[in-house]
Amino acid sequence: MQMHWLFLTVAILSEVCGSSMLKLSGGFSKLWPSIGVIVSFSVCFWALSMTLKTMPLATAYAIWAGVGLVLTALVSVVFFGEKADFIGIVSIGLILLGVVLLNTMSHMSGH
């Protein structure tokens, strides 16, 4: 496994964690979730910056944003009881399709 994939995975997971903590922080009115936001997003952007050393920006950002959005949507449904409707599910499916196509068929080059 190339290291940029490991760093990108860490960036995605810490972004999802940070977004979840943001929801729990109550507008930064609760101490521990607020600290979780700061730590999670700090790790996220550090890991994303490490990813960008060897992966093209457009590819890394599309994967980070797309997969992060999908996972955050899943967390919102599973842990926060938010409802997913048909259009939302189809839209998330299209985002996942875009990430798959980007990784399997794109010829964007970087470094």
N, C-alpha and C. Protein backbone atom coordinates (compact mmCIF):
# COMPACT_ATOMS: atom_id res chain seq x y z
N MET A 1 0.84 -1.19 0.00
CA MET A 1 0.00 0.00 0.00
C MET A 1 0.88 1.24 0.00
N GLN A 2 0.61 2.13 -0.92
CA GLN A 2 1.37 3.38 -0.95
C GLN A 2 0.92 4.27 0.21
N MET A 3 1.86 4.99 0.79
CA MET A 3 1.58 5.77 1.99
C MET A 3 0.51 6.84 1.78
N HIS A 4 0.40 7.39 0.57
CA HIS A 4 -0.60 8.44 0.39
C HIS A 4 -2.02 7.91 0.61
N TRP A 5 -2.25 6.63 0.35
CA TRP A 5 -3.58 6.05 0.61
C TRP A 5 -3.83 5.94 2.10
N LEU A 6 -2.81 5.59 2.86
CA LEU A 6 -2.96 5.54 4.31
C LEU A 6 -3.24 6.93 4.87
N PHE A 7 -2.48 7.92 4.43
CA PHE A 7 -2.71 9.29 4.89
C PHE A 7 -4.09 9.79 4.47
N LEU A 8 -4.52 9.46 3.27
CA LEU A 8 -5.84 9.90 2.81
C LEU A 8 -6.94 9.24 3.64
N THR A 9 -6.77 7.98 3.98
CA THR A 9 -7.74 7.29 4.83
C THR A 9 -7.82 7.95 6.20
N VAL A 10 -6.68 8.27 6.78
CA VAL A 10 -6.65 8.97 8.07
C VAL A 10 -7.34 10.33 7.95
N ALA A 11 -7.08 11.05 6.87
CA ALA A 11 -7.71 12.36 6.65
C ALA A 11 -9.22 12.23 6.57
N ILE A 12 -9.70 11.24 5.84
CA ILE A 12 -11.15 11.04 5.69
C ILE A 12 -11.78 10.68 7.02
N LEU A 13 -11.22 9.70 7.71
CA LEU A 13 -11.81 9.26 8.98
C LEU A 13 -11.78 10.35 10.04
N SER A 14 -10.70 11.11 10.10
CA SER A 14 -10.64 12.18 11.09
C SER A 14 -11.58 13.33 10.72
N GLU A 15 -11.82 13.55 9.43
CA GLU A 15 -12.79 14.57 9.02
C GLU A 15 -14.20 14.15 9.43
N VAL A 16 -14.53 12.88 9.25
CA VAL A 16 -15.85 12.38 9.67
C VAL A 16 -16.00 12.49 11.18
N CYS A 17 -14.95 12.13 11.90
CA CYS A 17 -14.96 12.26 13.36
C CYS A 17 -15.13 13.72 13.77
N GLY A 18 -14.39 14.62 13.14
CA GLY A 18 -14.49 16.04 13.46
C GLY A 18 -15.87 16.60 13.17
N SER A 19 -16.47 16.20 12.06
CA SER A 19 -17.82 16.66 11.73
C SER A 19 -18.83 16.14 12.74
N SER A 20 -18.66 14.90 13.17
CA SER A 20 -19.56 14.33 14.18
C SER A 20 -19.40 15.05 15.52
N MET A 21 -18.16 15.34 15.88
CA MET A 21 -17.92 16.09 17.12
C MET A 21 -18.50 17.50 17.03
N LEU A 22 -18.45 18.09 15.84
CA LEU A 22 -19.02 19.42 15.63
C LEU A 22 -20.51 19.40 15.95
N LYS A 23 -21.20 18.36 15.51
CA LYS A 23 -22.63 18.21 15.81
C LYS A 23 -22.83 18.08 17.32
N LEU A 24 -21.98 17.29 17.97
CA LEU A 24 -22.11 17.07 19.41
C LEU A 24 -21.68 18.26 20.26
N SER A 25 -20.91 19.17 19.69
CA SER A 25 -20.36 20.29 20.48
C SER A 25 -21.40 21.34 20.84
N GLY A 26 -22.54 21.31 20.18
CA GLY A 26 -23.58 22.31 20.48
C GLY A 26 -23.10 23.72 20.23
N GLY A 27 -22.50 23.94 19.08
CA GLY A 27 -22.00 25.29 18.78
C GLY A 27 -20.80 25.65 19.64
N PHE A 28 -19.95 24.68 19.89
CA PHE A 28 -18.76 24.84 20.74
C PHE A 28 -19.11 25.22 22.18
N SER A 29 -20.28 24.77 22.65
CA SER A 29 -20.68 25.05 24.03
C SER A 29 -20.36 23.89 24.98
N LYS A 30 -19.94 22.75 24.44
CA LYS A 30 -19.58 21.59 25.25
C LYS A 30 -18.09 21.33 25.07
N LEU A 31 -17.36 21.27 26.18
CA LEU A 31 -15.90 21.25 26.16
C LEU A 31 -15.32 20.07 25.38
N TRP A 32 -15.64 18.83 25.79
CA TRP A 32 -14.95 17.68 25.21
C TRP A 32 -15.26 17.47 23.73
N PRO A 33 -16.51 17.60 23.31
CA PRO A 33 -16.72 17.52 21.85
C PRO A 33 -16.01 18.66 21.10
N SER A 34 -15.92 19.84 21.71
CA SER A 34 -15.22 20.96 21.06
C SER A 34 -13.73 20.66 20.91
N ILE A 35 -13.14 20.06 21.94
CA ILE A 35 -11.74 19.65 21.84
C ILE A 35 -11.59 18.57 20.77
N GLY A 36 -12.57 17.66 20.70
CA GLY A 36 -12.57 16.63 19.66
C GLY A 36 -12.59 17.22 18.26
N VAL A 37 -13.34 18.30 18.07
CA VAL A 37 -13.39 18.99 16.77
C VAL A 37 -12.00 19.49 16.40
N ILE A 38 -11.37 20.19 17.32
CA ILE A 38 -10.06 20.79 17.05
C ILE A 38 -9.01 19.73 16.76
N VAL A 39 -8.98 18.69 17.58
CA VAL A 39 -8.00 17.61 17.39
C VAL A 39 -8.26 16.87 16.08
N SER A 40 -9.51 16.52 15.84
CA SER A 40 -9.85 15.74 14.64
C SER A 40 -9.52 16.50 13.36
N PHE A 41 -9.90 17.77 13.30
CA PHE A 41 -9.62 18.53 12.08
C PHE A 41 -8.13 18.85 11.94
N SER A 42 -7.42 18.97 13.05
CA SER A 42 -5.97 19.16 12.96
C SER A 42 -5.31 17.92 12.35
N VAL A 43 -5.70 16.75 12.83
CA VAL A 43 -5.18 15.50 12.27
C VAL A 43 -5.59 15.37 10.80
N CYS A 44 -6.84 15.72 10.51
CA CYS A 44 -7.36 15.64 9.14
C CYS A 44 -6.51 16.43 8.17
N PHE A 45 -6.27 17.69 8.47
CA PHE A 45 -5.54 18.53 7.53
C PHE A 45 -4.05 18.21 7.48
N TRP A 46 -3.49 17.72 8.59
CA TRP A 46 -2.11 17.24 8.54
C TRP A 46 -2.02 16.04 7.60
N ALA A 47 -2.93 15.06 7.78
CA ALA A 47 -2.89 13.86 6.95
C ALA A 47 -3.17 14.20 5.48
N LEU A 48 -4.09 15.13 5.23
CA LEU A 48 -4.36 15.53 3.85
C LEU A 48 -3.13 16.20 3.24
N SER A 49 -2.43 17.00 4.03
CA SER A 49 -1.21 17.64 3.50
C SER A 49 -0.13 16.61 3.19
N MET A 50 -0.05 15.56 3.98
CA MET A 50 0.90 14.48 3.70
C MET A 50 0.49 13.73 2.42
N THR A 51 -0.80 13.55 2.22
CA THR A 51 -1.31 12.91 1.01
C THR A 51 -0.88 13.69 -0.23
N LEU A 52 -0.97 15.01 -0.14
CA LEU A 52 -0.71 15.87 -1.30
C LEU A 52 0.76 15.92 -1.70
N LYS A 53 1.63 15.35 -0.90
CA LYS A 53 3.04 15.27 -1.29
C LYS A 53 3.21 14.40 -2.53
N THR A 54 2.36 13.38 -2.67
CA THR A 54 2.55 12.43 -3.77
C THR A 54 1.29 12.17 -4.60
N MET A 55 0.16 12.74 -4.22
CA MET A 55 -1.08 12.52 -4.97
C MET A 55 -1.55 13.85 -5.53
N PRO A 56 -2.06 13.87 -6.76
CA PRO A 56 -2.56 15.12 -7.34
C PRO A 56 -3.68 15.72 -6.49
N LEU A 57 -3.69 17.03 -6.38
CA LEU A 57 -4.68 17.74 -5.58
C LEU A 57 -6.11 17.40 -6.00
N ALA A 58 -6.39 17.45 -7.28
CA ALA A 58 -7.76 17.20 -7.75
C ALA A 58 -8.25 15.81 -7.36
N THR A 59 -7.39 14.83 -7.50
CA THR A 59 -7.76 13.46 -7.14
C THR A 59 -7.95 13.32 -5.65
N ALA A 60 -6.98 13.78 -4.88
CA ALA A 60 -7.05 13.65 -3.42
C ALA A 60 -8.26 14.38 -2.86
N TYR A 61 -8.49 15.59 -3.33
CA TYR A 61 -9.59 16.38 -2.79
C TYR A 61 -10.93 15.77 -3.16
N ALA A 62 -11.07 15.27 -4.38
CA ALA A 62 -12.32 14.65 -4.80
C ALA A 62 -12.62 13.41 -3.96
N ILE A 63 -11.62 12.59 -3.72
CA ILE A 63 -11.81 11.39 -2.91
C ILE A 63 -12.11 11.77 -1.47
N TRP A 64 -11.33 12.69 -0.92
CA TRP A 64 -11.52 13.12 0.47
C TRP A 64 -12.92 13.69 0.68
N ALA A 65 -13.31 14.59 -0.19
CA ALA A 65 -14.62 15.23 -0.03
C ALA A 65 -15.76 14.25 -0.30
N GLY A 66 -15.63 13.44 -1.35
CA GLY A 66 -16.70 12.52 -1.70
C GLY A 66 -16.91 11.42 -0.67
N VAL A 67 -15.84 10.74 -0.31
CA VAL A 67 -15.95 9.65 0.67
C VAL A 67 -16.30 10.22 2.04
N GLY A 68 -15.72 11.36 2.39
CA GLY A 68 -16.06 12.00 3.66
C GLY A 68 -17.53 12.35 3.74
N LEU A 69 -18.09 12.87 2.65
CA LEU A 69 -19.51 13.21 2.62
C LEU A 69 -20.37 11.97 2.78
N VAL A 70 -20.04 10.91 2.07
CA VAL A 70 -20.82 9.68 2.16
C VAL A 70 -20.78 9.11 3.58
N LEU A 71 -19.59 9.03 4.16
CA LEU A 71 -19.47 8.50 5.53
C LEU A 71 -20.15 9.39 6.55
N THR A 72 -20.05 10.70 6.38
CA THR A 72 -20.72 11.62 7.30
C THR A 72 -22.24 11.47 7.19
N ALA A 73 -22.74 11.28 5.99
CA ALA A 73 -24.18 11.05 5.81
C ALA A 73 -24.61 9.76 6.52
N LEU A 74 -23.80 8.71 6.41
CA LEU A 74 -24.11 7.46 7.10
C LEU A 74 -24.11 7.64 8.61
N VAL A 75 -23.12 8.35 9.12
CA VAL A 75 -23.06 8.62 10.56
C VAL A 75 -24.29 9.41 11.00
N SER A 76 -24.70 10.38 10.20
CA SER A 76 -25.86 11.20 10.58
C SER A 76 -27.13 10.36 10.67
N VAL A 77 -27.26 9.37 9.81
CA VAL A 77 -28.44 8.50 9.84
C VAL A 77 -28.34 7.50 10.99
N VAL A 78 -27.20 6.84 11.11
CA VAL A 78 -27.04 5.76 12.09
C VAL A 78 -26.97 6.29 13.53
N PHE A 79 -26.21 7.35 13.76
CA PHE A 79 -25.97 7.81 15.13
C PHE A 79 -26.81 9.01 15.56
N PHE A 80 -27.23 9.83 14.60
CA PHE A 80 -27.98 11.03 14.97
C PHE A 80 -29.45 10.95 14.57
N GLY A 81 -29.87 9.82 14.02
CA GLY A 81 -31.28 9.61 13.70
C GLY A 81 -31.83 10.48 12.58
N GLU A 82 -30.95 11.02 11.75
CA GLU A 82 -31.42 11.83 10.63
C GLU A 82 -31.98 10.91 9.55
N LYS A 83 -32.93 11.42 8.80
CA LYS A 83 -33.61 10.60 7.79
C LYS A 83 -32.97 10.78 6.41
N ALA A 84 -32.87 9.67 5.70
CA ALA A 84 -32.37 9.69 4.32
C ALA A 84 -33.56 9.42 3.39
N ASP A 85 -33.74 10.27 2.40
CA ASP A 85 -34.81 10.04 1.43
C ASP A 85 -34.23 9.48 0.13
N PHE A 86 -35.11 9.15 -0.80
CA PHE A 86 -34.69 8.53 -2.06
C PHE A 86 -33.69 9.39 -2.82
N ILE A 87 -34.00 10.67 -2.97
CA ILE A 87 -33.11 11.57 -3.72
C ILE A 87 -31.75 11.66 -3.03
N GLY A 88 -31.73 11.72 -1.71
CA GLY A 88 -30.47 11.77 -0.98
C GLY A 88 -29.63 10.52 -1.20
N ILE A 89 -30.29 9.36 -1.17
CA ILE A 89 -29.57 8.10 -1.37
C ILE A 89 -29.02 8.01 -2.79
N VAL A 90 -29.83 8.39 -3.78
CA VAL A 90 -29.36 8.38 -5.17
C VAL A 90 -28.19 9.35 -5.35
N SER A 91 -28.30 10.52 -4.75
CA SER A 91 -27.23 11.52 -4.86
C SER A 91 -25.93 11.01 -4.25
N ILE A 92 -26.02 10.37 -3.11
CA ILE A 92 -24.83 9.80 -2.47
C ILE A 92 -24.25 8.68 -3.34
N GLY A 93 -25.12 7.89 -3.96
CA GLY A 93 -24.66 6.86 -4.88
C GLY A 93 -23.89 7.44 -6.06
N LEU A 94 -24.37 8.57 -6.57
CA LEU A 94 -23.67 9.23 -7.68
C LEU A 94 -22.31 9.76 -7.25
N ILE A 95 -22.22 10.25 -6.02
CA ILE A 95 -20.92 10.70 -5.51
C ILE A 95 -19.96 9.52 -5.44
N LEU A 96 -20.43 8.40 -4.91
CA LEU A 96 -19.58 7.21 -4.85
C LEU A 96 -19.17 6.75 -6.24
N LEU A 97 -20.09 6.79 -7.19
CA LEU A 97 -19.76 6.43 -8.56
C LEU A 97 -18.67 7.34 -9.11
N GLY A 98 -18.76 8.62 -8.83
CA GLY A 98 -17.74 9.56 -9.27
C GLY A 98 -16.37 9.25 -8.70
N VAL A 99 -16.33 8.89 -7.42
CA VAL A 99 -15.06 8.54 -6.79
C VAL A 99 -14.48 7.28 -7.44
N VAL A 100 -15.32 6.29 -7.69
CA VAL A 100 -14.86 5.05 -8.32
C VAL A 100 -14.33 5.34 -9.73
N LEU A 101 -15.08 6.12 -10.51
CA LEU A 101 -14.63 6.45 -11.87
C LEU A 101 -13.32 7.24 -11.86
N LEU A 102 -13.21 8.16 -10.93
CA LEU A 102 -11.99 8.95 -10.82
C LEU A 102 -10.78 8.05 -10.57
N ASN A 103 -10.96 7.05 -9.71
CA ASN A 103 -9.86 6.17 -9.35
C ASN A 103 -9.56 5.10 -10.39
N THR A 104 -10.54 4.73 -11.18
CA THR A 104 -10.33 3.63 -12.11
C THR A 104 -10.15 4.05 -13.56
N MET A 105 -10.67 5.21 -13.94
CA MET A 105 -10.65 5.56 -15.36
C MET A 105 -9.98 6.90 -15.67
N SER A 106 -9.73 7.70 -14.66
CA SER A 106 -9.15 9.02 -14.90
C SER A 106 -7.65 8.90 -15.20
N HIS A 107 -7.17 9.79 -16.04
CA HIS A 107 -5.74 9.84 -16.35
C HIS A 107 -5.12 11.14 -15.86
N MET A 108 -5.72 11.72 -14.81
CA MET A 108 -5.15 12.94 -14.25
C MET A 108 -3.78 12.60 -13.69
N SER A 109 -2.83 13.43 -13.96
CA SER A 109 -1.48 13.14 -13.49
C SER A 109 -1.03 14.20 -12.50
N GLY A 110 -0.05 13.83 -11.75
CA GLY A 110 0.47 14.74 -10.74
C GLY A 110 1.97 14.80 -10.82
N HIS A 111 2.58 14.66 -9.72
CA HIS A 111 4.01 14.83 -9.50
C HIS A 111 4.83 14.10 -10.51
